[in-house]
């Protein structure tokens, strides 16, 4: 199955689901804040079909209703899907694989443009750090 890395998709293979990888990410990963997000990343040596695997998280403490948490995650996924080709291009040039956690830390429901701006600035910062 050929993988198109520039496609604006977010498939199961791009999602971080492994408990071992999640534990390693949060134990040894480096992170930074870009309001209203917290990014945690870790370089991995394991071969992956995609240069980066992502997990998206929204705190139950700040958003009691699952409807609100799911809406925020949908907004983040949609914006990630649109912004990822630049990130993939940079990671492929360096030939490295990463694990990434995107955690929403805001206290209010965000608008689409707020999520887009936060992720855009966060990805630029991530590219600089990598």
N, C-alpha and C. Protein backbone atom coordinates (compact mmCIF):
# COMPACT_ATOMS: atom_id res chain seq x y z
N UNK A 1 0.85 -1.18 0.00
CA UNK A 1 0.00 0.00 0.00
C UNK A 1 0.90 1.25 0.00
N UNK A 2 0.89 2.03 -1.07
CA UNK A 2 1.71 3.25 -1.10
C UNK A 2 1.12 4.31 -0.17
N UNK A 3 2.01 5.00 0.52
CA UNK A 3 1.58 6.01 1.49
C UNK A 3 1.90 7.39 0.93
N UNK A 4 0.87 8.21 0.81
CA UNK A 4 1.03 9.57 0.32
C UNK A 4 1.18 10.48 1.53
N UNK A 5 2.40 10.92 1.80
CA UNK A 5 2.66 11.72 3.00
C UNK A 5 2.16 13.15 2.87
N UNK A 6 1.90 13.61 1.66
CA UNK A 6 1.44 14.99 1.51
C UNK A 6 -0.08 15.09 1.51
N UNK A 7 -0.76 13.96 1.58
CA UNK A 7 -2.23 13.98 1.58
C UNK A 7 -2.76 14.57 2.87
N UNK A 8 -3.87 15.27 2.76
CA UNK A 8 -4.51 15.87 3.93
C UNK A 8 -5.45 14.84 4.56
N UNK A 9 -4.84 13.82 5.17
CA UNK A 9 -5.61 12.77 5.83
C UNK A 9 -5.06 12.58 7.23
N UNK A 10 -5.79 11.82 8.03
CA UNK A 10 -5.30 11.47 9.37
C UNK A 10 -5.77 10.04 9.63
N UNK A 11 -4.93 9.08 9.20
CA UNK A 11 -5.31 7.67 9.26
C UNK A 11 -4.93 7.04 10.59
N UNK A 12 -5.37 5.83 10.78
CA UNK A 12 -5.08 5.09 12.00
C UNK A 12 -3.57 4.91 12.21
N UNK A 13 -2.82 4.74 11.13
CA UNK A 13 -1.38 4.52 11.23
C UNK A 13 -0.64 5.77 11.71
N UNK A 14 -1.28 6.92 11.62
CA UNK A 14 -0.65 8.17 12.08
C UNK A 14 -0.96 8.46 13.55
N UNK A 15 -1.87 7.70 14.12
CA UNK A 15 -2.28 7.93 15.51
C UNK A 15 -1.41 7.10 16.45
N UNK A 16 -1.09 7.68 17.56
CA UNK A 16 -0.28 7.02 18.57
C UNK A 16 -1.21 6.26 19.50
N UNK A 17 -1.18 4.93 19.40
CA UNK A 17 -2.08 4.09 20.19
C UNK A 17 -1.36 3.16 21.15
N UNK A 18 -0.10 2.93 20.93
CA UNK A 18 0.67 1.97 21.71
C UNK A 18 0.90 2.48 23.14
N UNK A 19 0.55 1.68 24.11
CA UNK A 19 0.73 2.04 25.52
C UNK A 19 2.22 2.22 25.82
N UNK A 20 3.06 1.33 25.28
CA UNK A 20 4.51 1.43 25.52
C UNK A 20 5.06 2.74 24.97
N UNK A 21 4.63 3.11 23.75
CA UNK A 21 5.10 4.35 23.17
C UNK A 21 4.57 5.57 23.93
N UNK A 22 3.33 5.50 24.39
CA UNK A 22 2.77 6.60 25.18
C UNK A 22 3.53 6.78 26.48
N UNK A 23 3.82 5.66 27.15
CA UNK A 23 4.60 5.73 28.40
C UNK A 23 5.97 6.34 28.15
N UNK A 24 6.62 5.89 27.09
CA UNK A 24 7.95 6.42 26.77
C UNK A 24 7.88 7.91 26.45
N UNK A 25 6.85 8.31 25.73
CA UNK A 25 6.69 9.72 25.36
C UNK A 25 6.57 10.60 26.60
N UNK A 26 5.74 10.20 27.55
CA UNK A 26 5.52 11.04 28.71
C UNK A 26 6.62 10.91 29.77
N UNK A 27 7.39 9.83 29.73
CA UNK A 27 8.51 9.69 30.67
C UNK A 27 9.75 10.44 30.19
N UNK A 28 10.08 10.31 28.91
CA UNK A 28 11.34 10.85 28.42
C UNK A 28 11.18 12.01 27.43
N UNK A 29 9.94 12.33 27.08
CA UNK A 29 9.72 13.36 26.07
C UNK A 29 10.00 14.77 26.56
N UNK A 30 10.31 15.64 25.62
CA UNK A 30 10.51 17.06 25.91
C UNK A 30 9.22 17.78 25.52
N UNK A 31 8.97 18.89 26.19
CA UNK A 31 7.73 19.59 25.89
C UNK A 31 7.84 21.08 25.98
N UNK A 32 6.81 21.74 25.47
CA UNK A 32 6.72 23.19 25.56
C UNK A 32 5.25 23.59 25.48
N UNK A 33 4.95 24.79 25.94
CA UNK A 33 3.61 25.33 25.90
C UNK A 33 3.49 26.34 24.76
N UNK A 34 2.41 26.27 24.05
CA UNK A 34 2.02 27.29 23.10
C UNK A 34 0.52 27.47 23.31
N UNK A 35 0.17 28.51 24.03
CA UNK A 35 -1.21 28.73 24.45
C UNK A 35 -2.17 28.54 23.29
N UNK A 36 -3.21 27.77 23.43
CA UNK A 36 -3.70 26.99 24.57
C UNK A 36 -3.29 25.51 24.51
N UNK A 37 -2.12 25.21 24.00
CA UNK A 37 -1.69 23.83 23.86
C UNK A 37 -0.40 23.55 24.61
N UNK A 38 -0.23 22.26 24.92
CA UNK A 38 1.04 21.77 25.41
C UNK A 38 1.48 20.68 24.44
N UNK A 39 2.69 20.78 23.95
CA UNK A 39 3.25 19.81 23.02
C UNK A 39 4.33 19.02 23.74
N UNK A 40 4.28 17.70 23.61
CA UNK A 40 5.33 16.82 24.14
C UNK A 40 5.78 15.95 22.97
N UNK A 41 7.10 15.92 22.74
CA UNK A 41 7.63 15.17 21.61
C UNK A 41 8.82 14.33 22.03
N UNK A 42 9.04 13.25 21.28
CA UNK A 42 10.14 12.34 21.56
C UNK A 42 10.59 11.70 20.25
N UNK A 43 11.90 11.72 20.01
CA UNK A 43 12.42 11.04 18.83
C UNK A 43 12.45 9.55 19.11
N UNK A 44 12.05 8.77 18.13
CA UNK A 44 12.03 7.32 18.28
C UNK A 44 12.87 6.68 17.18
N UNK A 45 13.48 5.56 17.52
CA UNK A 45 14.31 4.84 16.57
C UNK A 45 13.54 3.74 15.85
N UNK A 46 12.33 3.47 16.31
CA UNK A 46 11.53 2.42 15.69
C UNK A 46 11.07 2.86 14.30
N UNK A 47 11.17 1.98 13.31
CA UNK A 47 10.70 2.34 11.97
C UNK A 47 9.18 2.49 11.98
N UNK A 48 8.69 3.53 11.32
CA UNK A 48 7.27 3.81 11.25
C UNK A 48 6.93 4.15 9.80
N UNK A 49 5.69 3.85 9.39
CA UNK A 49 5.31 4.21 8.03
C UNK A 49 5.17 5.73 7.84
N UNK A 50 4.96 6.45 8.92
CA UNK A 50 4.84 7.91 8.87
C UNK A 50 5.92 8.52 9.76
N UNK A 51 6.39 9.72 9.43
CA UNK A 51 7.48 10.32 10.22
C UNK A 51 7.07 10.75 11.63
N UNK A 52 5.77 10.88 11.88
CA UNK A 52 5.34 11.30 13.22
C UNK A 52 4.03 10.61 13.57
N UNK A 53 3.92 10.19 14.82
CA UNK A 53 2.67 9.62 15.34
C UNK A 53 2.14 10.58 16.39
N UNK A 54 0.84 10.82 16.37
CA UNK A 54 0.24 11.87 17.19
C UNK A 54 -0.87 11.31 18.07
N UNK A 55 -0.93 11.84 19.29
CA UNK A 55 -2.06 11.61 20.18
C UNK A 55 -2.60 12.98 20.58
N UNK A 56 -3.92 13.09 20.61
CA UNK A 56 -4.57 14.36 20.95
C UNK A 56 -5.35 14.15 22.24
N UNK A 57 -5.20 15.09 23.17
CA UNK A 57 -5.82 14.95 24.48
C UNK A 57 -6.47 16.25 24.93
N UNK A 58 -7.65 16.10 25.56
CA UNK A 58 -8.35 17.23 26.16
C UNK A 58 -8.73 16.82 27.58
N UNK A 59 -8.43 17.66 28.55
CA UNK A 59 -8.62 17.34 29.95
C UNK A 59 -10.09 17.24 30.34
N UNK A 60 -10.41 16.18 31.06
CA UNK A 60 -11.76 16.01 31.58
C UNK A 60 -12.00 16.98 32.73
N UNK A 61 -10.93 17.40 33.37
CA UNK A 61 -11.04 18.34 34.49
C UNK A 61 -11.60 19.69 34.01
N UNK A 62 -11.16 20.14 32.84
CA UNK A 62 -11.59 21.44 32.33
C UNK A 62 -12.89 21.38 31.55
N UNK A 63 -13.19 20.22 30.96
CA UNK A 63 -14.40 20.08 30.15
C UNK A 63 -15.13 18.82 30.59
N UNK A 64 -16.13 19.00 31.43
CA UNK A 64 -16.85 17.86 32.01
C UNK A 64 -17.66 17.10 30.97
N UNK A 65 -18.21 17.82 30.00
CA UNK A 65 -19.08 17.18 29.01
C UNK A 65 -18.26 16.58 27.88
N UNK A 66 -18.55 15.31 27.57
CA UNK A 66 -17.84 14.63 26.49
C UNK A 66 -18.08 15.33 25.16
N UNK A 67 -19.23 15.93 25.00
CA UNK A 67 -19.55 16.66 23.77
C UNK A 67 -18.52 17.77 23.54
N UNK A 68 -18.17 18.50 24.59
CA UNK A 68 -17.21 19.58 24.47
C UNK A 68 -15.81 19.05 24.17
N UNK A 69 -15.40 17.99 24.88
CA UNK A 69 -14.08 17.40 24.64
C UNK A 69 -13.96 16.88 23.21
N UNK A 70 -15.01 16.22 22.74
CA UNK A 70 -14.98 15.67 21.39
C UNK A 70 -14.94 16.78 20.34
N UNK A 71 -15.64 17.88 20.58
CA UNK A 71 -15.61 18.99 19.63
C UNK A 71 -14.20 19.59 19.53
N UNK A 72 -13.56 19.76 20.68
CA UNK A 72 -12.20 20.31 20.68
C UNK A 72 -11.25 19.36 19.96
N UNK A 73 -11.38 18.06 20.21
CA UNK A 73 -10.51 17.10 19.54
C UNK A 73 -10.76 17.10 18.02
N UNK A 74 -12.00 17.25 17.61
CA UNK A 74 -12.30 17.34 16.18
C UNK A 74 -11.64 18.56 15.55
N UNK A 75 -11.72 19.70 16.26
CA UNK A 75 -11.08 20.93 15.76
C UNK A 75 -9.57 20.74 15.63
N UNK A 76 -8.97 20.12 16.64
CA UNK A 76 -7.52 19.90 16.62
C UNK A 76 -7.14 18.96 15.48
N UNK A 77 -7.89 17.85 15.33
CA UNK A 77 -7.60 16.90 14.26
C UNK A 77 -7.71 17.54 12.88
N UNK A 78 -8.75 18.33 12.68
CA UNK A 78 -8.94 18.98 11.39
C UNK A 78 -7.78 19.93 11.08
N UNK A 79 -7.39 20.73 12.06
CA UNK A 79 -6.30 21.67 11.85
C UNK A 79 -4.97 20.93 11.68
N UNK A 80 -4.74 19.88 12.43
CA UNK A 80 -3.53 19.09 12.28
C UNK A 80 -3.46 18.52 10.87
N UNK A 81 -4.58 18.00 10.41
CA UNK A 81 -4.66 17.40 9.08
C UNK A 81 -4.27 18.40 7.99
N UNK A 82 -4.65 19.65 8.16
CA UNK A 82 -4.35 20.68 7.17
C UNK A 82 -2.91 21.20 7.28
N UNK A 83 -2.33 21.17 8.47
CA UNK A 83 -1.01 21.74 8.70
C UNK A 83 0.14 20.72 8.61
N UNK A 84 -0.18 19.44 8.62
CA UNK A 84 0.86 18.42 8.72
C UNK A 84 1.79 18.29 7.51
N UNK A 85 1.40 18.63 6.26
CA UNK A 85 2.36 18.45 5.15
C UNK A 85 3.68 19.19 5.37
N UNK A 86 3.64 20.39 5.94
CA UNK A 86 4.88 21.12 6.21
C UNK A 86 5.74 20.40 7.24
N UNK A 87 5.09 19.89 8.27
CA UNK A 87 5.80 19.15 9.32
C UNK A 87 6.42 17.88 8.74
N UNK A 88 5.66 17.14 7.94
CA UNK A 88 6.16 15.92 7.32
C UNK A 88 7.35 16.21 6.41
N UNK A 89 7.26 17.28 5.65
CA UNK A 89 8.34 17.64 4.74
C UNK A 89 9.64 17.87 5.50
N UNK A 90 9.54 18.59 6.61
CA UNK A 90 10.72 18.87 7.43
C UNK A 90 11.29 17.59 8.04
N UNK A 91 10.42 16.72 8.56
CA UNK A 91 10.89 15.48 9.20
C UNK A 91 11.49 14.52 8.18
N UNK A 92 10.94 14.47 6.98
CA UNK A 92 11.50 13.59 5.96
C UNK A 92 12.87 14.06 5.52
N UNK A 93 13.06 15.38 5.49
CA UNK A 93 14.37 15.92 5.11
C UNK A 93 15.43 15.49 6.12
N UNK A 94 15.06 15.41 7.39
CA UNK A 94 16.00 15.01 8.44
C UNK A 94 16.02 13.50 8.64
N UNK A 95 15.06 12.78 8.02
CA UNK A 95 14.97 11.33 8.11
C UNK A 95 14.88 10.87 9.57
N UNK A 96 13.97 11.48 10.32
CA UNK A 96 13.77 11.12 11.72
C UNK A 96 12.31 10.80 11.97
N UNK A 97 12.06 9.98 13.00
CA UNK A 97 10.69 9.64 13.41
C UNK A 97 10.44 10.19 14.80
N UNK A 98 9.23 10.69 15.01
CA UNK A 98 8.87 11.29 16.30
C UNK A 98 7.52 10.81 16.77
N UNK A 99 7.35 10.89 18.09
CA UNK A 99 6.05 10.72 18.73
C UNK A 99 5.66 12.10 19.23
N UNK A 100 4.37 12.44 19.14
CA UNK A 100 3.92 13.78 19.53
C UNK A 100 2.60 13.70 20.26
N UNK A 101 2.51 14.41 21.37
CA UNK A 101 1.25 14.56 22.10
C UNK A 101 0.84 16.03 22.02
N UNK A 102 -0.39 16.27 21.62
CA UNK A 102 -0.96 17.62 21.59
C UNK A 102 -2.06 17.64 22.64
N UNK A 103 -1.85 18.45 23.68
CA UNK A 103 -2.82 18.52 24.76
C UNK A 103 -3.43 19.92 24.82
N UNK A 104 -4.75 19.98 24.83
CA UNK A 104 -5.42 21.26 24.93
C UNK A 104 -5.50 21.63 26.41
N UNK A 105 -4.96 22.81 26.76
CA UNK A 105 -4.92 23.23 28.16
C UNK A 105 -5.82 24.41 28.46
N UNK A 106 -6.54 24.90 27.46
CA UNK A 106 -7.42 26.05 27.67
C UNK A 106 -8.59 25.73 28.58
N UNK A 107 -9.26 26.76 29.05
CA UNK A 107 -10.39 26.59 29.96
C UNK A 107 -11.73 26.84 29.27
N UNK A 108 -11.70 27.43 28.07
CA UNK A 108 -12.93 27.75 27.35
C UNK A 108 -12.93 27.06 26.00
N UNK A 109 -14.14 26.83 25.47
CA UNK A 109 -14.25 26.23 24.14
C UNK A 109 -13.61 27.15 23.11
N UNK A 110 -12.68 26.64 22.32
CA UNK A 110 -12.00 27.48 21.34
C UNK A 110 -12.77 27.58 20.04
N UNK A 111 -12.46 28.60 19.27
CA UNK A 111 -12.98 28.73 17.92
C UNK A 111 -11.99 28.07 16.97
N UNK A 112 -12.43 27.79 15.76
CA UNK A 112 -11.60 27.14 14.76
C UNK A 112 -10.31 27.92 14.52
N UNK A 113 -10.42 29.23 14.38
CA UNK A 113 -9.26 30.07 14.06
C UNK A 113 -8.26 30.10 15.21
N UNK A 114 -8.75 30.03 16.46
CA UNK A 114 -7.85 30.01 17.61
C UNK A 114 -7.02 28.73 17.62
N UNK A 115 -7.67 27.61 17.31
CA UNK A 115 -6.97 26.33 17.26
C UNK A 115 -5.95 26.35 16.12
N UNK A 116 -6.35 26.87 14.97
CA UNK A 116 -5.45 26.95 13.81
C UNK A 116 -4.21 27.78 14.13
N UNK A 117 -4.40 28.94 14.72
CA UNK A 117 -3.28 29.82 15.04
C UNK A 117 -2.35 29.17 16.08
N UNK A 118 -2.92 28.56 17.11
CA UNK A 118 -2.12 27.92 18.15
C UNK A 118 -1.31 26.76 17.61
N UNK A 119 -1.93 25.92 16.78
CA UNK A 119 -1.20 24.78 16.20
C UNK A 119 -0.15 25.24 15.21
N UNK A 120 -0.46 26.25 14.43
CA UNK A 120 0.49 26.77 13.44
C UNK A 120 1.76 27.28 14.13
N UNK A 121 1.59 28.08 15.16
CA UNK A 121 2.74 28.60 15.90
C UNK A 121 3.47 27.46 16.63
N UNK A 122 2.70 26.54 17.20
CA UNK A 122 3.29 25.39 17.89
C UNK A 122 4.12 24.51 16.97
N UNK A 123 3.64 24.27 15.75
CA UNK A 123 4.39 23.46 14.80
C UNK A 123 5.66 24.16 14.36
N UNK A 124 5.60 25.48 14.18
CA UNK A 124 6.81 26.22 13.82
C UNK A 124 7.85 26.12 14.93
N UNK A 125 7.39 26.22 16.17
CA UNK A 125 8.29 26.08 17.32
C UNK A 125 8.86 24.66 17.39
N UNK A 126 8.01 23.67 17.13
CA UNK A 126 8.44 22.27 17.14
C UNK A 126 9.50 22.02 16.07
N UNK A 127 9.31 22.56 14.89
CA UNK A 127 10.29 22.40 13.81
C UNK A 127 11.62 23.02 14.19
N UNK A 128 11.58 24.17 14.86
CA UNK A 128 12.83 24.79 15.31
C UNK A 128 13.54 23.95 16.36
N UNK A 129 12.79 23.35 17.27
CA UNK A 129 13.38 22.55 18.34
C UNK A 129 13.95 21.24 17.82
N UNK A 130 13.34 20.71 16.81
CA UNK A 130 13.80 19.44 16.23
C UNK A 130 15.00 19.74 15.37
